[in-house]
Amino acid sequence: MVLQERERGVPGSQTALGDICYDGQGVEKNYYKAKDWHRKAVIQGHDRGQYTLGYMYYYGQGVDKNMALAREWMGKAVQQGYAKAKDFEPNLYPSGSECCTIL
């Protein structure tokens, strides 16, 4: 079912496949494939995909480490109300700086 939905471009299924590749659930762990699946989902505005892509940019997993892109994607997930992104957001700003979340 997930594979059929993936082919139709269902963002939740694309993110699920990204998670499978990211975690190595039944397949070899592959951050590059995970990034590709999450990117397909974020193009469609998927909040969990935005969070995960931001997380990957923060840690440099499957992408070059890039704080600007980490903040951009994580911020989009926060704006959509994704709780994990909101919880993670303080990590994106140096201690003592203001968080720029728009709620």
PDB file of N, CA and C in Angstrom:
ATOM      1  N   MET A   1       0.820  -1.193   0.000  1.00  0.00           N
ATOM      2  CA  MET A   1       0.000   0.000   0.000  1.00  0.00           C
ATOM      3  C   MET A   1       0.867   1.261   0.000  1.00  0.00           C
ATOM      4  N   VAL A   2       1.873   1.292   0.882  1.00  0.00           N
ATOM      5  CA  VAL A   2       2.750   2.458   0.944  1.00  0.00           C
ATOM      6  C   VAL A   2       3.449   2.663  -0.388  1.00  0.00           C
ATOM      7  N   LEU A   3       3.883   1.580  -1.020  1.00  0.00           N
ATOM      8  CA  LEU A   3       4.581   1.713  -2.299  1.00  0.00           C
ATOM      9  C   LEU A   3       3.648   2.245  -3.377  1.00  0.00           C
ATOM     10  N   GLN A   4       2.393   1.804  -3.384  1.00  0.00           N
ATOM     11  CA  GLN A   4       1.422   2.311  -4.365  1.00  0.00           C
ATOM     12  C   GLN A   4       1.161   3.796  -4.123  1.00  0.00           C
ATOM     13  N   GLU A   5       0.993   4.189  -2.855  1.00  0.00           N
ATOM     14  CA  GLU A   5       0.761   5.591  -2.536  1.00  0.00           C
ATOM     15  C   GLU A   5       1.981   6.436  -2.874  1.00  0.00           C
ATOM     16  N   ARG A   6       3.148   5.875  -2.671  1.00  0.00           N
ATOM     17  CA  ARG A   6       4.383   6.588  -3.012  1.00  0.00           C
ATOM     18  C   ARG A   6       4.377   6.946  -4.487  1.00  0.00           C
ATOM     19  N   GLU A   7       3.969   5.981  -5.316  1.00  0.00           N
ATOM     20  CA  GLU A   7       3.946   6.213  -6.764  1.00  0.00           C
ATOM     21  C   GLU A   7       2.943   7.297  -7.145  1.00  0.00           C
ATOM     22  N   ARG A   8       1.863   7.418  -6.370  1.00  0.00           N
ATOM     23  CA  ARG A   8       0.854   8.451  -6.639  1.00  0.00           C
ATOM     24  C   ARG A   8       1.255   9.789  -6.037  1.00  0.00           C
ATOM     25  N   GLY A   9       2.338   9.814  -5.279  1.00  0.00           N
ATOM     26  CA  GLY A   9       2.813  11.066  -4.704  1.00  0.00           C
ATOM     27  C   GLY A   9       2.139  11.446  -3.404  1.00  0.00           C
ATOM     28  N   VAL A  10       1.715  10.468  -2.610  1.00  0.00           N
ATOM     29  CA  VAL A  10       1.098  10.747  -1.307  1.00  0.00           C
ATOM     30  C   VAL A  10       2.222  11.109  -0.329  1.00  0.00           C
ATOM     31  N   PRO A  11       2.241  12.362   0.179  1.00  0.00           N
ATOM     32  CA  PRO A  11       3.374  12.798   0.985  1.00  0.00           C
ATOM     33  C   PRO A  11       3.592  11.997   2.267  1.00  0.00           C
ATOM     34  N   GLY A  12       2.532  11.536   2.923  1.00  0.00           N
ATOM     35  CA  GLY A  12       2.701  10.727   4.125  1.00  0.00           C
ATOM     36  C   GLY A  12       3.429   9.429   3.841  1.00  0.00           C
ATOM     37  N   SER A  13       3.142   8.838   2.703  1.00  0.00           N
ATOM     38  CA  SER A  13       3.821   7.600   2.307  1.00  0.00           C
ATOM     39  C   SER A  13       5.266   7.875   1.918  1.00  0.00           C
ATOM     40  N   GLN A  14       5.503   8.995   1.271  1.00  0.00           N
ATOM     41  CA  GLN A  14       6.877   9.346   0.911  1.00  0.00           C
ATOM     42  C   GLN A  14       7.709   9.578   2.167  1.00  0.00           C
ATOM     43  N   THR A  15       7.123  10.233   3.155  1.00  0.00           N
ATOM     44  CA  THR A  15       7.828  10.447   4.413  1.00  0.00           C
ATOM     45  C   THR A  15       8.061   9.125   5.133  1.00  0.00           C
ATOM     46  N   ALA A  16       7.071   8.237   5.104  1.00  0.00           N
ATOM     47  CA  ALA A  16       7.236   6.921   5.735  1.00  0.00           C
ATOM     48  C   ALA A  16       8.401   6.166   5.105  1.00  0.00           C
ATOM     49  N   LEU A  17       8.516   6.220   3.782  1.00  0.00           N
ATOM     50  CA  LEU A  17       9.646   5.561   3.118  1.00  0.00           C
ATOM     51  C   LEU A  17      10.963   6.244   3.472  1.00  0.00           C
ATOM     52  N   GLY A  18      10.923   7.564   3.599  1.00  0.00           N
ATOM     53  CA  GLY A  18      12.110   8.280   4.047  1.00  0.00           C
ATOM     54  C   GLY A  18      12.542   7.838   5.428  1.00  0.00           C
ATOM     55  N   ASP A  19      11.557   7.641   6.320  1.00  0.00           N
ATOM     56  CA  ASP A  19      11.865   7.167   7.673  1.00  0.00           C
ATOM     57  C   ASP A  19      12.465   5.768   7.648  1.00  0.00           C
ATOM     58  N   ILE A  20      11.936   4.913   6.778  1.00  0.00           N
ATOM     59  CA  ILE A  20      12.458   3.545   6.656  1.00  0.00           C
ATOM     60  C   ILE A  20      13.921   3.580   6.226  1.00  0.00           C
ATOM     61  N   CYS A  21      14.228   4.407   5.234  1.00  0.00           N
ATOM     62  CA  CYS A  21      15.616   4.534   4.776  1.00  0.00           C
ATOM     63  C   CYS A  21      16.499   5.167   5.846  1.00  0.00           C
ATOM     64  N   TYR A  22      15.972   6.169   6.540  1.00  0.00           N
ATOM     65  CA  TYR A  22      16.730   6.877   7.577  1.00  0.00           C
ATOM     66  C   TYR A  22      17.103   5.943   8.723  1.00  0.00           C
ATOM     67  N   ASP A  23      16.130   5.157   9.176  1.00  0.00           N
ATOM     68  CA  ASP A  23      16.334   4.278  10.325  1.00  0.00           C
ATOM     69  C   ASP A  23      16.906   2.916   9.957  1.00  0.00           C
ATOM     70  N   GLY A  24      16.864   2.548   8.678  1.00  0.00           N
ATOM     71  CA  GLY A  24      17.318   1.224   8.271  1.00  0.00           C
ATOM     72  C   GLY A  24      16.363   0.129   8.717  1.00  0.00           C
ATOM     73  N   GLN A  25      15.061   0.392   8.599  1.00  0.00           N
ATOM     74  CA  GLN A  25      14.035  -0.578   9.002  1.00  0.00           C
ATOM     75  C   GLN A  25      13.819  -1.598   7.887  1.00  0.00           C
ATOM     76  N   GLY A  26      14.478  -2.743   7.988  1.00  0.00           N
ATOM     77  CA  GLY A  26      14.338  -3.789   6.980  1.00  0.00           C
ATOM     78  C   GLY A  26      15.143  -3.538   5.719  1.00  0.00           C
ATOM     79  N   VAL A  27      15.845  -2.431   5.673  1.00  0.00           N
ATOM     80  CA  VAL A  27      16.719  -2.089   4.545  1.00  0.00           C
ATOM     81  C   VAL A  27      18.012  -1.510   5.128  1.00  0.00           C
ATOM     82  N   GLU A  28      19.005  -1.404   4.290  1.00  0.00           N
ATOM     83  CA  GLU A  28      20.248  -0.773   4.745  1.00  0.00           C
ATOM     84  C   GLU A  28      19.999   0.711   4.988  1.00  0.00           C
ATOM     85  N   LYS A  29      20.490   1.227   6.104  1.00  0.00           N
ATOM     86  CA  LYS A  29      20.346   2.651   6.423  1.00  0.00           C
ATOM     87  C   LYS A  29      20.980   3.476   5.311  1.00  0.00           C
ATOM     88  N   ASN A  30      20.229   4.463   4.812  1.00  0.00           N
ATOM     89  CA  ASN A  30      20.729   5.279   3.709  1.00  0.00           C
ATOM     90  C   ASN A  30      20.155   6.688   3.837  1.00  0.00           C
ATOM     91  N   TYR A  31      20.961   7.603   4.360  1.00  0.00           N
ATOM     92  CA  TYR A  31      20.506   8.982   4.557  1.00  0.00           C
ATOM     93  C   TYR A  31      20.218   9.694   3.238  1.00  0.00           C
ATOM     94  N   TYR A  32      20.932   9.334   2.190  1.00  0.00           N
ATOM     95  CA  TYR A  32      20.731   9.995   0.898  1.00  0.00           C
ATOM     96  C   TYR A  32      19.352   9.654   0.317  1.00  0.00           C
ATOM     97  N   LYS A  33      18.972   8.387   0.386  1.00  0.00           N
ATOM     98  CA  LYS A  33      17.641   7.999  -0.072  1.00  0.00           C
ATOM     99  C   LYS A  33      16.570   8.598   0.832  1.00  0.00           C
ATOM    100  N   ALA A  34      16.840   8.630   2.131  1.00  0.00           N
ATOM    101  CA  ALA A  34      15.893   9.236   3.075  1.00  0.00           C
ATOM    102  C   ALA A  34      15.652  10.689   2.710  1.00  0.00           C
ATOM    103  N   LYS A  35      16.731  11.404   2.429  1.00  0.00           N
ATOM    104  CA  LYS A  35      16.614  12.814   2.040  1.00  0.00           C
ATOM    105  C   LYS A  35      15.757  12.960   0.796  1.00  0.00           C
ATOM    106  N   ASP A  36      15.976  12.115  -0.187  1.00  0.00           N
ATOM    107  CA  ASP A  36      15.209  12.195  -1.434  1.00  0.00           C
ATOM    108  C   ASP A  36      13.720  12.001  -1.186  1.00  0.00           C
ATOM    109  N   TRP A  37      13.342  11.008  -0.356  1.00  0.00           N
ATOM    110  CA  TRP A  37      11.925  10.772  -0.067  1.00  0.00           C
ATOM    111  C   TRP A  37      11.319  11.914   0.722  1.00  0.00           C
ATOM    112  N   HIS A  38      12.042  12.417   1.704  1.00  0.00           N
ATOM    113  CA  HIS A  38      11.508  13.535   2.498  1.00  0.00           C
ATOM    114  C   HIS A  38      11.379  14.793   1.644  1.00  0.00           C
ATOM    115  N   ARG A  39      12.307  14.995   0.755  1.00  0.00           N
ATOM    116  CA  ARG A  39      12.237  16.181  -0.110  1.00  0.00           C
ATOM    117  C   ARG A  39      10.986  16.130  -0.994  1.00  0.00           C
ATOM    118  N   LYS A  40      10.643  14.947  -1.482  1.00  0.00           N
ATOM    119  CA  LYS A  40       9.417  14.813  -2.290  1.00  0.00           C
ATOM    120  C   LYS A  40       8.191  15.185  -1.462  1.00  0.00           C
ATOM    121  N   ALA A  41       8.190  14.816  -0.197  1.00  0.00           N
ATOM    122  CA  ALA A  41       7.057  15.131   0.675  1.00  0.00           C
ATOM    123  C   ALA A  41       7.009  16.618   1.014  1.00  0.00           C
ATOM    124  N   VAL A  42       8.162  17.239   1.258  1.00  0.00           N
ATOM    125  CA  VAL A  42       8.150  18.651   1.655  1.00  0.00           C
ATOM    126  C   VAL A  42       7.726  19.559   0.514  1.00  0.00           C
ATOM    127  N   ILE A  43       7.976  19.138  -0.704  1.00  0.00           N
ATOM    128  CA  ILE A  43       7.518  19.921  -1.858  1.00  0.00           C
ATOM    129  C   ILE A  43       6.004  20.074  -1.815  1.00  0.00           C
ATOM    130  N   GLN A  44       5.340  19.072  -1.205  1.00  0.00           N
ATOM    131  CA  GLN A  44       3.894  19.089  -1.081  1.00  0.00           C
ATOM    132  C   GLN A  44       3.434  19.657   0.271  1.00  0.00           C
ATOM    133  N   GLY A  45       4.381  20.183   1.053  1.00  0.00           N
ATOM    134  CA  GLY A  45       4.038  20.834   2.303  1.00  0.00           C
ATOM    135  C   GLY A  45       3.848  19.916   3.495  1.00  0.00           C
ATOM    136  N   HIS A  46       4.422  18.726   3.470  1.00  0.00           N
ATOM    137  CA  HIS A  46       4.239  17.761   4.551  1.00  0.00           C
ATOM    138  C   HIS A  46       5.061  18.162   5.781  1.00  0.00           C
ATOM    139  N   ASP A  47       4.393  18.354   6.922  1.00  0.00           N
ATOM    140  CA  ASP A  47       5.050  18.875   8.119  1.00  0.00           C
ATOM    141  C   ASP A  47       6.125  17.952   8.692  1.00  0.00           C
ATOM    142  N   ARG A  48       5.854  16.655   8.777  1.00  0.00           N
ATOM    143  CA  ARG A  48       6.860  15.740   9.328  1.00  0.00           C
ATOM    144  C   ARG A  48       8.067  15.640   8.392  1.00  0.00           C
ATOM    145  N   GLY A  49       7.818  15.696   7.095  1.00  0.00           N
ATOM    146  CA  GLY A  49       8.917  15.708   6.144  1.00  0.00           C
ATOM    147  C   GLY A  49       9.774  16.956   6.297  1.00  0.00           C
ATOM    148  N   GLN A  50       9.125  18.103   6.523  1.00  0.00           N
ATOM    149  CA  GLN A  50       9.854  19.354   6.737  1.00  0.00           C
ATOM    150  C   GLN A  50      10.720  19.257   7.989  1.00  0.00           C
ATOM    151  N   TYR A  51      10.136  18.719   9.058  1.00  0.00           N
ATOM    152  CA  TYR A  51      10.885  18.534  10.302  1.00  0.00           C
ATOM    153  C   TYR A  51      12.105  17.649  10.067  1.00  0.00           C
ATOM    154  N   THR A  52      11.893  16.512   9.429  1.00  0.00           N
ATOM    155  CA  THR A  52      12.985  15.556   9.249  1.00  0.00           C
ATOM    156  C   THR A  52      14.062  16.125   8.337  1.00  0.00           C
ATOM    157  N   LEU A  53      13.668  16.822   7.289  1.00  0.00           N
ATOM    158  CA  LEU A  53      14.669  17.425   6.406  1.00  0.00           C
ATOM    159  C   LEU A  53      15.470  18.489   7.168  1.00  0.00           C
ATOM    160  N   GLY A  54      14.794  19.289   7.981  1.00  0.00           N
ATOM    161  CA  GLY A  54      15.493  20.264   8.814  1.00  0.00           C
ATOM    162  C   GLY A  54      16.470  19.599   9.771  1.00  0.00           C
ATOM    163  N   TYR A  55      16.037  18.497  10.365  1.00  0.00           N
ATOM    164  CA  TYR A  55      16.873  17.715  11.276  1.00  0.00           C
ATOM    165  C   TYR A  55      18.108  17.186  10.544  1.00  0.00           C
ATOM    166  N   MET A  56      17.908  16.711   9.333  1.00  0.00           N
ATOM    167  CA  MET A  56      19.024  16.180   8.550  1.00  0.00           C
ATOM    168  C   MET A  56      20.022  17.288   8.201  1.00  0.00           C
ATOM    169  N   TYR A  57      19.523  18.482   7.868  1.00  0.00           N
ATOM    170  CA  TYR A  57      20.430  19.604   7.603  1.00  0.00           C
ATOM    171  C   TYR A  57      21.162  20.024   8.879  1.00  0.00           C
ATOM    172  N   TYR A  58      20.497  19.956   9.996  1.00  0.00           N
ATOM    173  CA  TYR A  58      21.120  20.330  11.273  1.00  0.00           C
ATOM    174  C   TYR A  58      22.313  19.423  11.572  1.00  0.00           C
ATOM    175  N   TYR A  59      22.139  18.132  11.359  1.00  0.00           N
ATOM    176  CA  TYR A  59      23.191  17.161  11.678  1.00  0.00           C
ATOM    177  C   TYR A  59      24.069  16.783  10.484  1.00  0.00           C
ATOM    178  N   GLY A  60      23.740  17.243   9.285  1.00  0.00           N
ATOM    179  CA  GLY A  60      24.520  16.882   8.109  1.00  0.00           C
ATOM    180  C   GLY A  60      24.381  15.426   7.732  1.00  0.00           C
ATOM    181  N   GLN A  61      23.169  14.915   7.772  1.00  0.00           N
ATOM    182  CA  GLN A  61      22.903  13.511   7.449  1.00  0.00           C
ATOM    183  C   GLN A  61      22.301  13.405   6.049  1.00  0.00           C
ATOM    184  N   GLY A  62      23.092  12.937   5.106  1.00  0.00           N
ATOM    185  CA  GLY A  62      22.636  12.811   3.723  1.00  0.00           C
ATOM    186  C   GLY A  62      22.686  14.115   2.952  1.00  0.00           C
ATOM    187  N   VAL A  63      23.068  15.178   3.629  1.00  0.00           N
ATOM    188  CA  VAL A  63      23.195  16.521   3.057  1.00  0.00           C
ATOM    189  C   VAL A  63      24.382  17.190   3.740  1.00  0.00           C
ATOM    190  N   ASP A  64      24.861  18.270   3.161  1.00  0.00           N
ATOM    191  CA  ASP A  64      25.869  19.061   3.860  1.00  0.00           C
ATOM    192  C   ASP A  64      25.195  19.757   5.037  1.00  0.00           C
ATOM    193  N   LYS A  65      25.888  19.821   6.157  1.00  0.00           N
ATOM    194  CA  LYS A  65      25.344  20.521   7.321  1.00  0.00           C
ATOM    195  C   LYS A  65      25.096  21.980   6.927  1.00  0.00           C
ATOM    196  N   ASN A  66      23.879  22.471   7.206  1.00  0.00           N
ATOM    197  CA  ASN A  66      23.515  23.819   6.769  1.00  0.00           C
ATOM    198  C   ASN A  66      22.473  24.369   7.736  1.00  0.00           C
ATOM    199  N   MET A  67      22.894  25.254   8.624  1.00  0.00           N
ATOM    200  CA  MET A  67      21.982  25.789   9.641  1.00  0.00           C
ATOM    201  C   MET A  67      20.868  26.640   9.027  1.00  0.00           C
ATOM    202  N   ALA A  68      21.160  27.352   7.958  1.00  0.00           N
ATOM    203  CA  ALA A  68      20.113  28.168   7.333  1.00  0.00           C
ATOM    204  C   ALA A  68      18.986  27.284   6.799  1.00  0.00           C
ATOM    205  N   LEU A  69      19.337  26.188   6.142  1.00  0.00           N
ATOM    206  CA  LEU A  69      18.305  25.278   5.629  1.00  0.00           C
ATOM    207  C   LEU A  69      17.636  24.502   6.764  1.00  0.00           C
ATOM    208  N   ALA A  70      18.391  24.183   7.799  1.00  0.00           N
ATOM    209  CA  ALA A  70      17.785  23.522   8.963  1.00  0.00           C
ATOM    210  C   ALA A  70      16.716  24.424   9.563  1.00  0.00           C
ATOM    211  N   ARG A  71      17.035  25.696   9.730  1.00  0.00           N
ATOM    212  CA  ARG A  71      16.069  26.651  10.281  1.00  0.00           C
ATOM    213  C   ARG A  71      14.874  26.839   9.353  1.00  0.00           C
ATOM    214  N   GLU A  72      15.142  26.906   8.063  1.00  0.00           N
ATOM    215  CA  GLU A  72      14.044  27.109   7.098  1.00  0.00           C
ATOM    216  C   GLU A  72      13.040  25.957   7.162  1.00  0.00           C
ATOM    217  N   TRP A  73      13.524  24.720   7.039  1.00  0.00           N
ATOM    218  CA  TRP A  73      12.612  23.579   7.006  1.00  0.00           C
ATOM    219  C   TRP A  73      11.974  23.317   8.364  1.00  0.00           C
ATOM    220  N   MET A  74      12.748  23.456   9.420  1.00  0.00           N
ATOM    221  CA  MET A  74      12.184  23.259  10.752  1.00  0.00           C
ATOM    222  C   MET A  74      11.144  24.342  11.037  1.00  0.00           C
ATOM    223  N   GLY A  75      11.434  25.566  10.614  1.00  0.00           N
ATOM    224  CA  GLY A  75      10.491  26.670  10.807  1.00  0.00           C
ATOM    225  C   GLY A  75       9.171  26.441  10.085  1.00  0.00           C
ATOM    226  N   LYS A  76       9.233  25.876   8.895  1.00  0.00           N
ATOM    227  CA  LYS A  76       7.995  25.565   8.163  1.00  0.00           C
ATOM    228  C   LYS A  76       7.162  24.531   8.920  1.00  0.00           C
ATOM    229  N   ALA A  77       7.838  23.544   9.495  1.00  0.00           N
ATOM    230  CA  ALA A  77       7.125  22.530  10.269  1.00  0.00           C
ATOM    231  C   ALA A  77       6.518  23.146  11.533  1.00  0.00           C
ATOM    232  N   VAL A  78       7.249  24.058  12.168  1.00  0.00           N
ATOM    233  CA  VAL A  78       6.735  24.746  13.360  1.00  0.00           C
ATOM    234  C   VAL A  78       5.492  25.552  12.992  1.00  0.00           C
ATOM    235  N   GLN A  79       5.544  26.258  11.883  1.00  0.00           N
ATOM    236  CA  GLN A  79       4.400  27.071  11.446  1.00  0.00           C
ATOM    237  C   GLN A  79       3.159  26.226  11.202  1.00  0.00           C
ATOM    238  N   GLN A  80       3.369  24.969  10.843  1.00  0.00           N
ATOM    239  CA  GLN A  80       2.229  24.071  10.636  1.00  0.00           C
ATOM    240  C   GLN A  80       1.792  23.394  11.932  1.00  0.00           C
ATOM    241  N   GLY A  81       2.501  23.690  13.023  1.00  0.00           N
ATOM    242  CA  GLY A  81       2.121  23.147  14.322  1.00  0.00           C
ATOM    243  C   GLY A  81       2.701  21.791  14.653  1.00  0.00           C
ATOM    244  N   TYR A  82       3.743  21.379  13.940  1.00  0.00           N
ATOM    245  CA  TYR A  82       4.341  20.070  14.217  1.00  0.00           C
ATOM    246  C   TYR A  82       5.113  20.137  15.529  1.00  0.00           C
ATOM    247  N   ALA A  83       4.645  19.409  16.537  1.00  0.00           N
ATOM    248  CA  ALA A  83       5.156  19.517  17.908  1.00  0.00           C
ATOM    249  C   ALA A  83       6.641  19.185  18.031  1.00  0.00           C
ATOM    250  N   LYS A  84       7.119  18.144  17.364  1.00  0.00           N
ATOM    251  CA  LYS A  84       8.539  17.776  17.462  1.00  0.00           C
ATOM    252  C   LYS A  84       9.419  18.915  16.952  1.00  0.00           C
ATOM    253  N   ALA A  85       8.970  19.612  15.918  1.00  0.00           N
ATOM    254  CA  ALA A  85       9.747  20.733  15.378  1.00  0.00           C
ATOM    255  C   ALA A  85       9.800  21.863  16.403  1.00  0.00           C
ATOM    256  N   LYS A  86       8.679  22.146  17.023  1.00  0.00           N
ATOM    257  CA  LYS A  86       8.646  23.196  18.041  1.00  0.00           C
ATOM    258  C   LYS A  86       9.569  22.848  19.207  1.00  0.00           C
ATOM    259  N   ASP A  87       9.578  21.591  19.616  1.00  0.00           N
ATOM    260  CA  ASP A  87      10.453  21.152  20.700  1.00  0.00           C
ATOM    261  C   ASP A  87      11.927  21.246  20.315  1.00  0.00           C
ATOM    262  N   PHE A  88      12.246  20.984  19.058  1.00  0.00           N
ATOM    263  CA  PHE A  88      13.630  20.973  18.596  1.00  0.00           C
ATOM    264  C   PHE A  88      14.145  22.380  18.279  1.00  0.00           C
ATOM    265  N   GLU A  89      13.239  23.286  17.971  1.00  0.00           N
ATOM    266  CA  GLU A  89      13.607  24.610  17.467  1.00  0.00           C
ATOM    267  C   GLU A  89      14.642  25.357  18.313  1.00  0.00           C
ATOM    268  N   PRO A  90      14.590  25.326  19.648  1.00  0.00           N
ATOM    269  CA  PRO A  90      15.624  26.051  20.408  1.00  0.00           C
ATOM    270  C   PRO A  90      17.045  25.608  20.096  1.00  0.00           C
ATOM    271  N   ASN A  91      17.230  24.391  19.613  1.00  0.00           N
ATOM    272  CA  ASN A  91      18.570  23.912  19.234  1.00  0.00           C
ATOM    273  C   ASN A  91      19.130  24.655  18.027  1.00  0.00           C
ATOM    274  N   LEU A  92      18.268  25.304  17.275  1.00  0.00           N
ATOM    275  CA  LEU A  92      18.687  25.952  16.038  1.00  0.00           C
ATOM    276  C   LEU A  92      19.268  27.350  16.250  1.00  0.00           C
ATOM    277  N   TYR A  93      19.181  27.839  17.473  1.00  0.00           N
ATOM    278  CA  TYR A  93      19.622  29.203  17.755  1.00  0.00           C
ATOM    279  C   TYR A  93      20.639  29.190  18.879  1.00  0.00           C
ATOM    280  N   PRO A  94      21.698  29.975  18.738  1.00  0.00           N
ATOM    281  CA  PRO A  94      22.715  30.029  19.792  1.00  0.00           C
ATOM    282  C   PRO A  94      22.092  30.451  21.127  1.00  0.00           C
ATOM    283  N   SER A  95      22.683  29.994  22.190  1.00  0.00           N
ATOM    284  CA  SER A  95      22.207  30.344  23.519  1.00  0.00           C
ATOM    285  C   SER A  95      22.142  31.860  23.677  1.00  0.00           C
ATOM    286  N   GLY A  96      21.008  32.325  24.153  1.00  0.00           N
ATOM    287  CA  GLY A  96      20.832  33.757  24.384  1.00  0.00           C
ATOM    288  C   GLY A  96      20.212  34.502  23.236  1.00  0.00           C
ATOM    289  N   SER A  97      20.113  33.874  22.058  1.00  0.00           N
ATOM    290  CA  SER A  97      19.486  34.582  20.937  1.00  0.00           C
ATOM    291  C   SER A  97      17.994  34.279  20.942  1.00  0.00           C
ATOM    292  N   GLU A  98      17.253  35.168  20.300  1.00  0.00           N
ATOM    293  CA  GLU A  98      15.813  34.981  20.255  1.00  0.00           C
ATOM    294  C   GLU A  98      15.440  34.007  19.151  1.00  0.00           C
ATOM    295  N   CYS A  99      14.450  33.228  19.432  1.00  0.00           N
ATOM    296  CA  CYS A  99      13.896  32.318  18.447  1.00  0.00           C
ATOM    297  C   CYS A  99      12.944  33.109  17.560  1.00  0.00           C
ATOM    298  N   CYS A 100      12.966  32.871  16.300  1.00  0.00           N
ATOM    299  CA  CYS A 100      12.178  33.673  15.360  1.00  0.00           C
ATOM    300  C   CYS A 100      10.907  32.982  14.903  1.00  0.00           C
ATOM    301  N   THR A 101      10.309  32.183  15.742  1.00  0.00           N
ATOM    302  CA  THR A 101       9.104  31.450  15.362  1.00  0.00           C
ATOM    303  C   THR A 101       7.939  32.403  15.171  1.00  0.00           C
ATOM    304  N   ILE A 102       7.221  32.183  14.097  1.00  0.00           N
ATOM    305  CA  ILE A 102       5.979  32.914  13.844  1.00  0.00           C
ATOM    306  C   ILE A 102       4.858  31.922  14.098  1.00  0.00           C
ATOM    307  N   LEU A 103       4.024  32.202  15.069  1.00  0.00           N
ATOM    308  CA  LEU A 103       2.922  31.288  15.392  1.00  0.00           C
ATOM    309  C   LEU A 103       1.600  31.858  14.957  1.00  0.00           C
TER     310      LEU A 103
END
